[in-house]
PDB file of N, CA and C in Angstrom:
ATOM      1  N   MET A   1     -65.158 206.865 145.445  1.00  0.00           N
ATOM      2  CA  MET A   1     -64.262 205.766 145.136  1.00  0.00           C
ATOM      3  C   MET A   1     -62.947 205.972 145.884  1.00  0.00           C
ATOM      4  N   PRO A   2     -62.507 204.981 146.675  1.00  0.00           N
ATOM      5  CA  PRO A   2     -61.273 205.138 147.448  1.00  0.00           C
ATOM      6  C   PRO A   2     -60.041 205.125 146.554  1.00  0.00           C
ATOM      7  N   PHE A   3     -59.052 205.915 146.964  1.00  0.00           N
ATOM      8  CA  PHE A   3     -57.772 205.929 146.268  1.00  0.00           C
ATOM      9  C   PHE A   3     -56.943 204.743 146.719  1.00  0.00           C
ATOM     10  N   GLU A   4     -55.952 204.366 145.887  1.00  0.00           N
ATOM     11  CA  GLU A   4     -55.044 203.283 146.245  1.00  0.00           C
ATOM     12  C   GLU A   4     -54.360 203.570 147.577  1.00  0.00           C
ATOM     13  N   SER A   5     -54.056 204.826 147.845  1.00  0.00           N
ATOM     14  CA  SER A   5     -53.356 205.185 149.076  1.00  0.00           C
ATOM     15  C   SER A   5     -54.253 205.081 150.306  1.00  0.00           C
ATOM     16  N   ASP A   6     -55.537 204.845 150.107  1.00  0.00           N
ATOM     17  CA  ASP A   6     -56.475 204.730 151.218  1.00  0.00           C
ATOM     18  C   ASP A   6     -56.566 203.319 151.780  1.00  0.00           C
ATOM     19  N   LYS A   7     -55.711 202.421 151.288  1.00  0.00           N
ATOM     20  CA  LYS A   7     -55.746 201.049 151.779  1.00  0.00           C
ATOM     21  C   LYS A   7     -54.329 200.501 151.903  1.00  0.00           C
ATOM     22  N   VAL A   8     -54.211 199.467 152.737  1.00  0.00           N
ATOM     23  CA  VAL A   8     -52.927 198.841 153.019  1.00  0.00           C
ATOM     24  C   VAL A   8     -53.008 197.380 152.581  1.00  0.00           C
ATOM     25  N   MET A   9     -52.094 196.969 151.724  1.00  0.00           N
ATOM     26  CA  MET A   9     -52.032 195.579 151.250  1.00  0.00           C
ATOM     27  C   MET A   9     -51.178 194.768 152.218  1.00  0.00           C
ATOM     28  N   PHE A  10     -51.671 193.593 152.599  1.00  0.00           N
ATOM     29  CA  PHE A  10     -50.933 192.756 153.546  1.00  0.00           C
ATOM     30  C   PHE A  10     -51.047 191.292 153.180  1.00  0.00           C
ATOM     31  N   GLU A  11     -50.174 190.507 153.791  1.00  0.00           N
ATOM     32  CA  GLU A  11     -50.236 189.052 153.650  1.00  0.00           C
ATOM     33  C   GLU A  11     -49.872 188.415 154.983  1.00  0.00           C
ATOM     34  N   ILE A  12     -50.625 187.393 155.343  1.00  0.00           N
ATOM     35  CA  ILE A  12     -50.284 186.546 156.482  1.00  0.00           C
ATOM     36  C   ILE A  12     -49.700 185.265 155.897  1.00  0.00           C
ATOM     37  N   TYR A  13     -48.539 184.884 156.390  1.00  0.00           N
ATOM     38  CA  TYR A  13     -47.863 183.701 155.882  1.00  0.00           C
ATOM     39  C   TYR A  13     -47.225 182.927 157.027  1.00  0.00           C
ATOM     40  N   ARG A  14     -46.948 181.660 156.764  1.00  0.00           N
ATOM     41  CA  ARG A  14     -46.271 180.810 157.746  1.00  0.00           C
ATOM     42  C   ARG A  14     -44.834 180.649 157.298  1.00  0.00           C
ATOM     43  N   ASP A  15     -43.915 180.967 158.189  1.00  0.00           N
ATOM     44  CA  ASP A  15     -42.491 180.839 157.903  1.00  0.00           C
ATOM     45  C   ASP A  15     -42.125 179.363 157.970  1.00  0.00           C
ATOM     46  N   THR A  16     -41.783 178.792 156.853  1.00  0.00           N
ATOM     47  CA  THR A  16     -41.501 177.355 156.788  1.00  0.00           C
ATOM     48  C   THR A  16     -40.054 177.029 157.135  1.00  0.00           C
ATOM     49  N   ARG A  17     -39.221 178.046 157.282  1.00  0.00           N
ATOM     50  CA  ARG A  17     -37.806 177.794 157.557  1.00  0.00           C
ATOM     51  C   ARG A  17     -37.471 177.836 159.045  1.00  0.00           C
ATOM     52  N   TYR A  18     -38.107 178.701 159.793  1.00  0.00           N
ATOM     53  CA  TYR A  18     -37.714 178.923 161.189  1.00  0.00           C
ATOM     54  C   TYR A  18     -38.879 178.697 162.143  1.00  0.00           C
ATOM     55  N   GLY A  19     -39.204 177.467 162.408  1.00  0.00           N
ATOM     56  CA  GLY A  19     -40.181 177.151 163.433  1.00  0.00           C
ATOM     57  C   GLY A  19     -41.634 177.151 163.020  1.00  0.00           C
ATOM     58  N   GLY A  20     -41.950 177.531 161.798  1.00  0.00           N
ATOM     59  CA  GLY A  20     -43.327 177.456 161.333  1.00  0.00           C
ATOM     60  C   GLY A  20     -44.269 178.484 161.927  1.00  0.00           C
ATOM     61  N   ARG A  21     -43.740 179.599 162.408  1.00  0.00           N
ATOM     62  CA  ARG A  21     -44.590 180.636 162.990  1.00  0.00           C
ATOM     63  C   ARG A  21     -45.250 181.470 161.901  1.00  0.00           C
ATOM     64  N   TYR A  22     -46.395 182.024 162.233  1.00  0.00           N
ATOM     65  CA  TYR A  22     -47.131 182.890 161.307  1.00  0.00           C
ATOM     66  C   TYR A  22     -46.670 184.331 161.495  1.00  0.00           C
ATOM     67  N   HIS A  23     -46.594 185.051 160.377  1.00  0.00           N
ATOM     68  CA  HIS A  23     -46.170 186.448 160.366  1.00  0.00           C
ATOM     69  C   HIS A  23     -47.074 187.224 159.419  1.00  0.00           C
ATOM     70  N   VAL A  24     -46.986 188.538 159.520  1.00  0.00           N
ATOM     71  CA  VAL A  24     -47.696 189.417 158.588  1.00  0.00           C
ATOM     72  C   VAL A  24     -46.696 190.392 157.996  1.00  0.00           C
ATOM     73  N   VAL A  25     -46.922 190.734 156.749  1.00  0.00           N
ATOM     74  CA  VAL A  25     -46.143 191.787 156.103  1.00  0.00           C
ATOM     75  C   VAL A  25     -47.150 192.755 155.480  1.00  0.00           C
ATOM     76  N   TYR A  26     -46.930 194.042 155.745  1.00  0.00           N
ATOM     77  CA  TYR A  26     -47.760 195.103 155.187  1.00  0.00           C
ATOM     78  C   TYR A  26     -46.995 195.685 154.002  1.00  0.00           C
ATOM     79  N   PHE A  27     -47.270 195.181 152.818  1.00  0.00           N
ATOM     80  CA  PHE A  27     -46.494 195.519 151.631  1.00  0.00           C
ATOM     81  C   PHE A  27     -46.460 197.010 151.336  1.00  0.00           C
ATOM     82  N   THR A  28     -47.594 197.674 151.458  1.00  0.00           N
ATOM     83  CA  THR A  28     -47.653 199.088 151.085  1.00  0.00           C
ATOM     84  C   THR A  28     -47.017 200.001 152.130  1.00  0.00           C
ATOM     85  N   GLU A  29     -46.562 199.453 153.241  1.00  0.00           N
ATOM     86  CA  GLU A  29     -45.887 200.254 154.261  1.00  0.00           C
ATOM     87  C   GLU A  29     -44.389 199.996 154.313  1.00  0.00           C
ATOM     88  N   LEU A  30     -43.889 199.151 153.427  1.00  0.00           N
ATOM     89  CA  LEU A  30     -42.460 198.849 153.425  1.00  0.00           C
ATOM     90  C   LEU A  30     -41.664 200.048 152.911  1.00  0.00           C
ATOM     91  N   GLN A  31     -40.494 200.211 153.462  1.00  0.00           N
ATOM     92  CA  GLN A  31     -39.575 201.263 153.036  1.00  0.00           C
ATOM     93  C   GLN A  31     -38.494 200.649 152.159  1.00  0.00           C
ATOM     94  N   ASP A  32     -37.753 201.470 151.469  1.00  0.00           N
ATOM     95  CA  ASP A  32     -36.708 200.967 150.571  1.00  0.00           C
ATOM     96  C   ASP A  32     -35.689 200.100 151.293  1.00  0.00           C
ATOM     97  N   HIS A  33     -35.374 200.425 152.554  1.00  0.00           N
ATOM     98  CA  HIS A  33     -34.334 199.685 153.267  1.00  0.00           C
ATOM     99  C   HIS A  33     -34.760 198.279 153.679  1.00  0.00           C
ATOM    100  N   ASN A  34     -36.050 198.007 153.774  1.00  0.00           N
ATOM    101  CA  ASN A  34     -36.487 196.670 154.194  1.00  0.00           C
ATOM    102  C   ASN A  34     -37.400 195.971 153.193  1.00  0.00           C
ATOM    103  N   LYS A  35     -37.690 196.618 152.100  1.00  0.00           N
ATOM    104  CA  LYS A  35     -38.658 196.086 151.136  1.00  0.00           C
ATOM    105  C   LYS A  35     -38.240 194.727 150.584  1.00  0.00           C
ATOM    106  N   GLU A  36     -37.051 194.631 150.051  1.00  0.00           N
ATOM    107  CA  GLU A  36     -36.608 193.395 149.416  1.00  0.00           C
ATOM    108  C   GLU A  36     -36.548 192.234 150.405  1.00  0.00           C
ATOM    109  N   CYS A  37     -36.007 192.479 151.580  1.00  0.00           N
ATOM    110  CA  CYS A  37     -35.881 191.434 152.597  1.00  0.00           C
ATOM    111  C   CYS A  37     -37.252 190.914 153.037  1.00  0.00           C
ATOM    112  N   GLU A  38     -38.171 191.807 153.330  1.00  0.00           N
ATOM    113  CA  GLU A  38     -39.502 191.406 153.802  1.00  0.00           C
ATOM    114  C   GLU A  38     -40.300 190.681 152.718  1.00  0.00           C
ATOM    115  N   ILE A  39     -40.204 191.150 151.498  1.00  0.00           N
ATOM    116  CA  ILE A  39     -40.917 190.488 150.404  1.00  0.00           C
ATOM    117  C   ILE A  39     -40.344 189.096 150.172  1.00  0.00           C
ATOM    118  N   ASN A  40     -39.028 188.968 150.196  1.00  0.00           N
ATOM    119  CA  ASN A  40     -38.401 187.661 150.014  1.00  0.00           C
ATOM    120  C   ASN A  40     -38.789 186.698 151.126  1.00  0.00           C
ATOM    121  N   ARG A  41     -38.850 187.192 152.346  1.00  0.00           N
ATOM    122  CA  ARG A  41     -39.244 186.351 153.479  1.00  0.00           C
ATOM    123  C   ARG A  41     -40.675 185.849 153.305  1.00  0.00           C
ATOM    124  N   ALA A  42     -41.564 186.743 152.895  1.00  0.00           N
ATOM    125  CA  ALA A  42     -42.960 186.355 152.692  1.00  0.00           C
ATOM    126  C   ALA A  42     -43.097 185.361 151.529  1.00  0.00           C
ATOM    127  N   MET A  43     -42.352 185.602 150.454  1.00  0.00           N
ATOM    128  CA  MET A  43     -42.427 184.716 149.288  1.00  0.00           C
ATOM    129  C   MET A  43     -41.881 183.321 149.598  1.00  0.00           C
ATOM    130  N   ALA A  44     -40.926 183.235 150.513  1.00  0.00           N
ATOM    131  CA  ALA A  44     -40.359 181.933 150.893  1.00  0.00           C
ATOM    132  C   ALA A  44     -41.292 181.175 151.829  1.00  0.00           C
ATOM    133  N   GLY A  45     -42.220 181.881 152.448  1.00  0.00           N
ATOM    134  CA  GLY A  45     -43.143 181.244 153.383  1.00  0.00           C
ATOM    135  C   GLY A  45     -44.344 180.629 152.670  1.00  0.00           C
ATOM    136  N   GLU A  46     -45.211 180.059 153.492  1.00  0.00           N
ATOM    137  CA  GLU A  46     -46.434 179.426 152.986  1.00  0.00           C
ATOM    138  C   GLU A  46     -47.585 180.413 153.125  1.00  0.00           C
ATOM    139  N   HIS A  47     -48.172 180.795 152.007  1.00  0.00           N
ATOM    140  CA  HIS A  47     -49.267 181.772 152.007  1.00  0.00           C
ATOM    141  C   HIS A  47     -50.446 181.258 152.832  1.00  0.00           C
ATOM    142  N   PHE A  48     -51.021 182.157 153.641  1.00  0.00           N
ATOM    143  CA  PHE A  48     -52.209 181.798 154.407  1.00  0.00           C
ATOM    144  C   PHE A  48     -53.388 182.692 154.043  1.00  0.00           C
ATOM    145  N   TYR A  49     -53.158 184.014 153.994  1.00  0.00           N
ATOM    146  CA  TYR A  49     -54.242 184.947 153.699  1.00  0.00           C
ATOM    147  C   TYR A  49     -53.640 186.264 153.239  1.00  0.00           C
ATOM    148  N   ASP A  50     -54.299 186.930 152.304  1.00  0.00           N
ATOM    149  CA  ASP A  50     -53.882 188.277 151.919  1.00  0.00           C
ATOM    150  C   ASP A  50     -55.104 189.125 151.646  1.00  0.00           C
ATOM    151  N   GLY A  51     -54.891 190.408 151.691  1.00  0.00           N
ATOM    152  CA  GLY A  51     -56.004 191.307 151.447  1.00  0.00           C
ATOM    153  C   GLY A  51     -55.604 192.750 151.644  1.00  0.00           C
ATOM    154  N   PHE A  52     -56.613 193.588 151.769  1.00  0.00           N
ATOM    155  CA  PHE A  52     -56.430 195.017 151.970  1.00  0.00           C
ATOM    156  C   PHE A  52     -57.243 195.451 153.179  1.00  0.00           C
ATOM    157  N   ILE A  53     -56.653 196.315 153.974  1.00  0.00           N
ATOM    158  CA  ILE A  53     -57.394 196.961 155.055  1.00  0.00           C
ATOM    159  C   ILE A  53     -57.443 198.450 154.735  1.00  0.00           C
ATOM    160  N   ARG A  54     -58.497 199.092 155.201  1.00  0.00           N
ATOM    161  CA  ARG A  54     -58.626 200.536 154.987  1.00  0.00           C
ATOM    162  C   ARG A  54     -57.594 201.276 155.821  1.00  0.00           C
ATOM    163  N   ASN A  55     -57.064 202.333 155.269  1.00  0.00           N
ATOM    164  CA  ASN A  55     -56.095 203.157 155.986  1.00  0.00           C
ATOM    165  C   ASN A  55     -56.752 203.775 157.224  1.00  0.00           C
ATOM    166  N   TYR A  56     -58.036 204.122 157.086  1.00  0.00           N
ATOM    167  CA  TYR A  56     -58.800 204.655 158.206  1.00  0.00           C
ATOM    168  C   TYR A  56     -58.993 203.528 159.237  1.00  0.00           C
ATOM    169  N   ARG A  57     -58.553 203.744 160.447  1.00  0.00           N
ATOM    170  CA  ARG A  57     -58.625 202.770 161.547  1.00  0.00           C
ATOM    171  C   ARG A  57     -57.739 201.547 161.318  1.00  0.00           C
ATOM    172  N   LYS A  58     -56.656 201.727 160.570  1.00  0.00           N
ATOM    173  CA  LYS A  58     -55.775 200.593 160.291  1.00  0.00           C
ATOM    174  C   LYS A  58     -55.113 200.067 161.550  1.00  0.00           C
ATOM    175  N   GLU A  59     -54.918 200.905 162.552  1.00  0.00           N
ATOM    176  CA  GLU A  59     -54.294 200.435 163.800  1.00  0.00           C
ATOM    177  C   GLU A  59     -55.193 199.420 164.499  1.00  0.00           C
ATOM    178  N   LEU A  60     -56.497 199.639 164.441  1.00  0.00           N
ATOM    179  CA  LEU A  60     -57.430 198.662 165.012  1.00  0.00           C
ATOM    180  C   LEU A  60     -57.378 197.343 164.228  1.00  0.00           C
ATOM    181  N   ALA A  61     -57.301 197.453 162.906  1.00  0.00           N
ATOM    182  CA  ALA A  61     -57.195 196.255 162.070  1.00  0.00           C
ATOM    183  C   ALA A  61     -55.906 195.501 162.379  1.00  0.00           C
ATOM    184  N   LYS A  62     -54.818 196.228 162.580  1.00  0.00           N
ATOM    185  CA  LYS A  62     -53.545 195.581 162.891  1.00  0.00           C
ATOM    186  C   LYS A  62     -53.603 194.870 164.247  1.00  0.00           C
ATOM    187  N   GLU A  63     -54.343 195.418 165.193  1.00  0.00           N
ATOM    188  CA  GLU A  63     -54.529 194.745 166.479  1.00  0.00           C
ATOM    189  C   GLU A  63     -55.265 193.421 166.280  1.00  0.00           C
ATOM    190  N   VAL A  64     -56.278 193.424 165.425  1.00  0.00           N
ATOM    191  CA  VAL A  64     -57.022 192.201 165.127  1.00  0.00           C
ATOM    192  C   VAL A  64     -56.092 191.186 164.457  1.00  0.00           C
ATOM    193  N   ILE A  65     -55.289 191.646 163.502  1.00  0.00           N
ATOM    194  CA  ILE A  65     -54.354 190.753 162.812  1.00  0.00           C
ATOM    195  C   ILE A  65     -53.349 190.172 163.802  1.00  0.00           C
ATOM    196  N   ASN A  66     -52.808 191.003 164.688  1.00  0.00           N
ATOM    197  CA  ASN A  66     -51.861 190.505 165.694  1.00  0.00           C
ATOM    198  C   ASN A  66     -52.506 189.473 166.602  1.00  0.00           C
ATOM    199  N   SER A  67     -53.754 189.693 166.955  1.00  0.00           N
ATOM    200  CA  SER A  67     -54.485 188.726 167.775  1.00  0.00           C
ATOM    201  C   SER A  67     -54.659 187.399 167.022  1.00  0.00           C
ATOM    202  N   LEU A  68     -54.980 187.484 165.743  1.00  0.00           N
ATOM    203  CA  LEU A  68     -55.119 186.276 164.928  1.00  0.00           C
ATOM    204  C   LEU A  68     -53.793 185.537 164.809  1.00  0.00           C
ATOM    205  N   LEU A  69     -52.695 186.282 164.634  1.00  0.00           N
ATOM    206  CA  LEU A  69     -51.371 185.655 164.567  1.00  0.00           C
ATOM    207  C   LEU A  69     -51.044 184.929 165.859  1.00  0.00           C
ATOM    208  N   GLU A  70     -51.363 185.560 166.971  1.00  0.00           N
ATOM    209  CA  GLU A  70     -51.108 184.934 168.271  1.00  0.00           C
ATOM    210  C   GLU A  70     -51.895 183.636 168.401  1.00  0.00           C
ATOM    211  N   ARG A  71     -53.139 183.662 167.988  1.00  0.00           N
ATOM    212  CA  ARG A  71     -53.965 182.455 168.053  1.00  0.00           C
ATOM    213  C   ARG A  71     -53.410 181.358 167.149  1.00  0.00           C
ATOM    214  N   LEU A  72     -53.022 181.743 165.923  1.00  0.00           N
ATOM    215  CA  LEU A  72     -52.434 180.762 165.001  1.00  0.00           C
ATOM    216  C   LEU A  72     -51.143 180.184 165.561  1.00  0.00           C
ATOM    217  N   ASN A  73     -50.296 181.037 166.106  1.00  0.00           N
ATOM    218  CA  ASN A  73     -49.014 180.582 166.639  1.00  0.00           C
ATOM    219  C   ASN A  73     -49.157 179.768 167.916  1.00  0.00           C
ATOM    220  N   ASN A  74     -50.314 179.870 168.567  1.00  0.00           N
ATOM    221  CA  ASN A  74     -50.596 179.037 169.731  1.00  0.00           C
ATOM    222  C   ASN A  74     -51.290 177.733 169.349  1.00  0.00           C
ATOM    223  N   GLY A  75     -51.421 177.497 168.036  1.00  0.00           N
ATOM    224  CA  GLY A  75     -51.959 176.227 167.570  1.00  0.00           C
ATOM    225  C   GLY A  75     -53.451 176.194 167.315  1.00  0.00           C
ATOM    226  N   GLU A  76     -54.118 177.314 167.433  1.00  0.00           N
ATOM    227  CA  GLU A  76     -55.554 177.322 167.177  1.00  0.00           C
ATOM    228  C   GLU A  76     -55.806 177.105 165.684  1.00  0.00           C
ATOM    229  N   PRO A  77     -56.693 176.203 165.337  1.00  0.00           N
ATOM    230  CA  PRO A  77     -56.921 175.871 163.928  1.00  0.00           C
ATOM    231  C   PRO A  77     -57.845 176.876 163.226  1.00  0.00           C
ATOM    232  N   LEU A  78     -57.329 178.042 162.893  1.00  0.00           N
ATOM    233  CA  LEU A  78     -58.112 179.045 162.180  1.00  0.00           C
ATOM    234  C   LEU A  78     -58.013 178.807 160.678  1.00  0.00           C
ATOM    235  N   THR A  79     -59.032 179.199 159.961  1.00  0.00           N
ATOM    236  CA  THR A  79     -59.050 179.094 158.506  1.00  0.00           C
ATOM    237  C   THR A  79     -58.946 180.499 157.909  1.00  0.00           C
ATOM    238  N   PRO A  80     -58.605 180.601 156.632  1.00  0.00           N
ATOM    239  CA  PRO A  80     -58.626 181.918 155.988  1.00  0.00           C
ATOM    240  C   PRO A  80     -60.008 182.581 156.076  1.00  0.00           C
ATOM    241  N   GLU A  81     -61.059 181.796 156.087  1.00  0.00           N
ATOM    242  CA  GLU A  81     -62.411 182.343 156.226  1.00  0.00           C
ATOM    243  C   GLU A  81     -62.605 182.981 157.595  1.00  0.00           C
ATOM    244  N   ASP A  82     -61.994 182.399 158.643  1.00  0.00           N
ATOM    245  CA  ASP A  82     -62.058 182.987 159.978  1.00  0.00           C
ATOM    246  C   ASP A  82     -61.378 184.355 159.983  1.00  0.00           C
ATOM    247  N   VAL A  83     -60.245 184.447 159.307  1.00  0.00           N
ATOM    248  CA  VAL A  83     -59.507 185.712 159.217  1.00  0.00           C
ATOM    249  C   VAL A  83     -60.344 186.744 158.471  1.00  0.00           C
ATOM    250  N   GLU A  84     -60.914 186.332 157.365  1.00  0.00           N
ATOM    251  CA  GLU A  84     -61.745 187.242 156.569  1.00  0.00           C
ATOM    252  C   GLU A  84     -62.915 187.776 157.388  1.00  0.00           C
ATOM    253  N   GLN A  85     -63.547 186.912 158.144  1.00  0.00           N
ATOM    254  CA  GLN A  85     -64.684 187.328 158.970  1.00  0.00           C
ATOM    255  C   GLN A  85     -64.239 188.319 160.045  1.00  0.00           C
ATOM    256  N   ALA A  86     -63.106 188.056 160.690  1.00  0.00           N
ATOM    257  CA  ALA A  86     -62.613 188.938 161.750  1.00  0.00           C
ATOM    258  C   ALA A  86     -62.222 190.309 161.211  1.00  0.00           C
ATOM    259  N   LEU A  87     -61.757 190.357 159.967  1.00  0.00           N
ATOM    260  CA  LEU A  87     -61.297 191.615 159.374  1.00  0.00           C
ATOM    261  C   LEU A  87     -62.355 192.326 158.554  1.00  0.00           C
ATOM    262  N   LYS A  88     -63.528 191.750 158.461  1.00  0.00           N
ATOM    263  CA  LYS A  88     -64.594 192.335 157.627  1.00  0.00           C
ATOM    264  C   LYS A  88     -64.850 193.818 157.924  1.00  0.00           C
ATOM    265  N   PRO A  89     -64.895 194.255 159.186  1.00  0.00           N
ATOM    266  CA  PRO A  89     -65.150 195.679 159.442  1.00  0.00           C
ATOM    267  C   PRO A  89     -64.023 196.613 158.962  1.00  0.00           C
ATOM    268  N   TYR A  90     -62.866 196.074 158.681  1.00  0.00           N
ATOM    269  CA  TYR A  90     -61.701 196.884 158.310  1.00  0.00           C
ATOM    270  C   TYR A  90     -61.278 196.697 156.857  1.00  0.00           C
ATOM    271  N   SER A  91     -61.894 195.784 156.154  1.00  0.00           N
ATOM    272  CA  SER A  91     -61.484 195.454 154.789  1.00  0.00           C
ATOM    273  C   SER A  91     -61.786 196.583 153.827  1.00  0.00           C
ATOM    274  N   ALA A  92     -60.866 196.756 152.884  1.00  0.00           N
ATOM    275  CA  ALA A  92     -61.041 197.794 151.873  1.00  0.00           C
ATOM    276  C   ALA A  92     -61.736 197.221 150.659  1.00  0.00           C
TER     277      ALA A  92
END
Protein backbone atom coordinates (compact mmCIF):
# COMPACT_ATOMS: atom_id res chain seq x y z
CA MET A 1 0.00 0.00 0.00
CA PRO A 2 1.54 3.35 -1.04
CA PHE A 3 2.17 6.02 1.55
CA GLU A 4 0.70 9.51 1.20
CA SER A 5 4.23 10.80 0.58
CA ASP A 6 4.52 8.50 -2.44
CA LYS A 7 2.19 10.67 -4.51
CA VAL A 8 1.83 14.28 -5.59
CA MET A 9 -1.56 16.04 -5.56
CA PHE A 10 -2.10 18.51 -8.40
CA GLU A 11 -4.74 20.58 -10.14
CA ILE A 12 -4.96 21.97 -13.64
CA TYR A 13 -7.00 25.16 -13.76
CA ARG A 14 -7.76 28.03 -16.12
CA ASP A 15 -6.85 31.47 -14.86
CA THR A 16 -9.99 33.52 -15.43
CA ARG A 17 -8.41 36.83 -14.46
CA TYR A 18 -5.33 37.10 -16.67
CA GLY A 19 -5.85 35.92 -20.22
CA GLY A 20 -7.54 32.59 -19.57
CA ARG A 21 -4.36 30.51 -19.68
CA TYR A 22 -4.19 27.05 -18.13
CA HIS A 23 -1.82 26.41 -15.23
CA VAL A 24 -0.94 23.58 -12.87
CA VAL A 25 -0.30 23.67 -9.16
CA TYR A 26 1.36 20.77 -7.32
CA PHE A 27 -0.21 21.16 -3.89
CA THR A 28 1.96 18.65 -2.05
CA GLU A 29 5.15 20.35 -3.28
CA LEU A 30 4.28 23.86 -2.11
CA GLN A 31 6.50 25.49 0.48
CA ASP A 32 5.39 27.79 3.28
CA HIS A 33 6.53 30.89 1.38
CA ASN A 34 4.33 30.24 -1.67
CA LYS A 35 1.57 27.98 -0.37
CA GLU A 36 -1.11 30.57 0.32
CA CYS A 37 -0.53 32.52 -2.90
CA GLU A 38 -0.59 29.45 -5.16
CA ILE A 39 -3.65 27.94 -3.50
CA ASN A 40 -5.52 31.24 -3.74
CA ARG A 41 -4.61 31.56 -7.41
CA ALA A 42 -5.86 28.05 -8.14
CA MET A 43 -9.07 28.58 -6.15
CA ALA A 44 -9.80 31.80 -8.08
CA GLY A 45 -9.41 29.96 -11.37
CA GLU A 46 -11.73 27.60 -13.19
CA HIS A 47 -11.12 23.96 -12.25
CA PHE A 48 -10.27 21.69 -15.17
CA TYR A 49 -8.70 18.52 -13.73
CA ASP A 50 -7.15 17.27 -10.51
CA GLY A 51 -5.55 14.10 -9.35
CA PHE A 52 -2.47 12.38 -8.01
CA ILE A 53 0.68 11.29 -9.75
CA ARG A 54 3.13 8.79 -8.31
CA ASN A 55 6.28 10.26 -6.82
CA TYR A 56 8.20 7.61 -8.76
CA ARG A 57 8.81 9.06 -12.26
CA LYS A 58 6.98 12.26 -11.37
CA GLU A 59 9.29 14.27 -13.65
CA LEU A 60 8.01 12.30 -16.64
CA ALA A 61 4.43 12.94 -15.50
CA LYS A 62 5.17 16.65 -15.16
CA GLU A 63 6.50 16.68 -18.74
CA VAL A 64 3.20 15.16 -19.90
CA ILE A 65 1.25 17.75 -17.88
CA ASN A 66 3.32 20.59 -19.34
CA SER A 67 2.67 19.25 -22.83
CA LEU A 68 -1.07 19.12 -22.10
CA LEU A 69 -0.98 22.70 -20.78
CA GLU A 70 0.76 23.85 -23.94
CA ARG A 71 -1.87 22.16 -26.08
CA LEU A 72 -4.70 23.68 -24.02
CA ASN A 73 -3.13 27.13 -24.15
CA ASN A 74 -2.77 26.81 -27.92
CA GLY A 75 -6.52 26.28 -28.18
CA GLU A 76 -6.68 22.53 -28.61
CA PRO A 77 -10.04 21.29 -27.32
CA LEU A 78 -8.91 18.70 -24.76
CA THR A 79 -11.30 17.20 -22.22
CA PRO A 80 -10.56 16.08 -18.66
CA GLU A 81 -10.89 12.52 -19.99
CA ASP A 82 -8.05 13.23 -22.45
CA VAL A 83 -5.88 14.38 -19.54
CA GLU A 84 -6.78 11.31 -17.50
CA GLN A 85 -5.87 9.02 -20.39
CA ALA A 86 -2.52 10.76 -20.97
CA LEU A 87 -1.63 10.52 -17.27
CA LYS A 88 -2.82 6.96 -16.74
CA PRO A 89 0.73 5.48 -16.63
CA TYR A 90 1.69 7.96 -13.88
CA SER A 91 -1.49 8.11 -11.80
CA ALA A 92 -1.37 7.12 -8.17
